[in-house]
Amino acid sequence: MRQRTPSTDAVVAATPAAARPVARWLRGDLWFDFTQSPLAVLAAFVALLCVGGALFAPWLAPHDPFDLATLDLADSHLPPAWLADGRAAYPLGTDDQGRDILSALLYGTRISLMVGLGAVTLSVLVGVTTGLVAGFVGGAVDAVLMRTCDVMLSFPPILIALLVDGVGRLLFPHARDLLAFAVLIFALSVTDCVRYARTVRGSTLVERHKEYVQAARLVGISRGRLLRRHVLPNVLGPVLVLATIQLGQAIVAEATLSFLGVGVPPTNPSLGTLIRIGNDFLYAGEWWITVFPGVALVLIAMSVNLLGDWLRDALNPRLR
């Protein structure tokens, strides 16, 4: 563990009060471990690059790929700029509709990240709540909740996502984009929340027998406040690691559903939709339409998973 030095303490003391939490984190063990891992730094750089490109897509994209008024079919099927017949205006080429691949990647990454973050957020909220209640209350409540989780785990996640998404489209055939995104996020989080529930339940079973929980009960703290203020902070470590890893898995799952044609609406194509579109022209030699979205998907998923692996090792006291 890194030792504090007078210089770092002096820096923190001289820092304004509003910025002191950031200063303490920068001199903490987690940041020190991060700076000592070149792989984690590289993964963070790639992840920030992808997230930054998605957030600032309207300003970074050379063209608006979803503005039909700006599309020209005469510019369709153009190769990347460094190949013969390529144009500098389209660095990564164009697709069958004349859309700029680079611009489509930036906007598609934004949609994939939005769906992935939404699925992870919903999974965390439902799974953590279920795990806390099951582990702390116990008895019949614990048995019913965990057996329900076991039933959900017996089905492949992609099949449940397909089922939920298909039922949602059947119930809302003329749904707008917002409702379609909500159905997709719900479909991706149905099975993923089980992982959080089982993880948090195991940690809660350990925490509820500790002295601070018994002392809180003796002083009359309500069960809800006890769970929220005392037990929850002590079980969030594994949840943070699991959420980081699941983000990459949710993005890949969304791409899989979009590739199968049941993902995001066609008017807002994600990386999976772009890969599916390019797959139709792959054997015609127009590889750039599907290869570049595939590379972007791999980079996002790999960087997030590498960060999750590093965070798991960094938060494990046995590896220190």
Foldseek 3Di string as FASTA:
>chain_A
DDDDDPVLVVVLVPDDPVCNVVSCVCPDLLVVLCVVDPLLVVLVVLQCVLVVLQVCLVPPPLDQQLPLVPWDQVQALQAAQVDPRHDPSQRHGHHNGRGRLVSLQSLQSNLLLVLLVLLLVVLLVVLLVLQLCLQQVPDPSVVVSLVVLVVLVVDPLLVQLVVQLVVQCVVCVPDDQVSNSVSNSCSNNPNSSSVSNVQSSVQSNVVCPDDVNVVCVVVPDDPVCCCVPPSVVVSCLVSVLSSLLSSLVSSVSLLVCVLVVRHGDPSRHHLSVQLNSCVVCVVVVSVSSNPVSVVSSCSNNVSSNSNSVSSVLSPDPVND
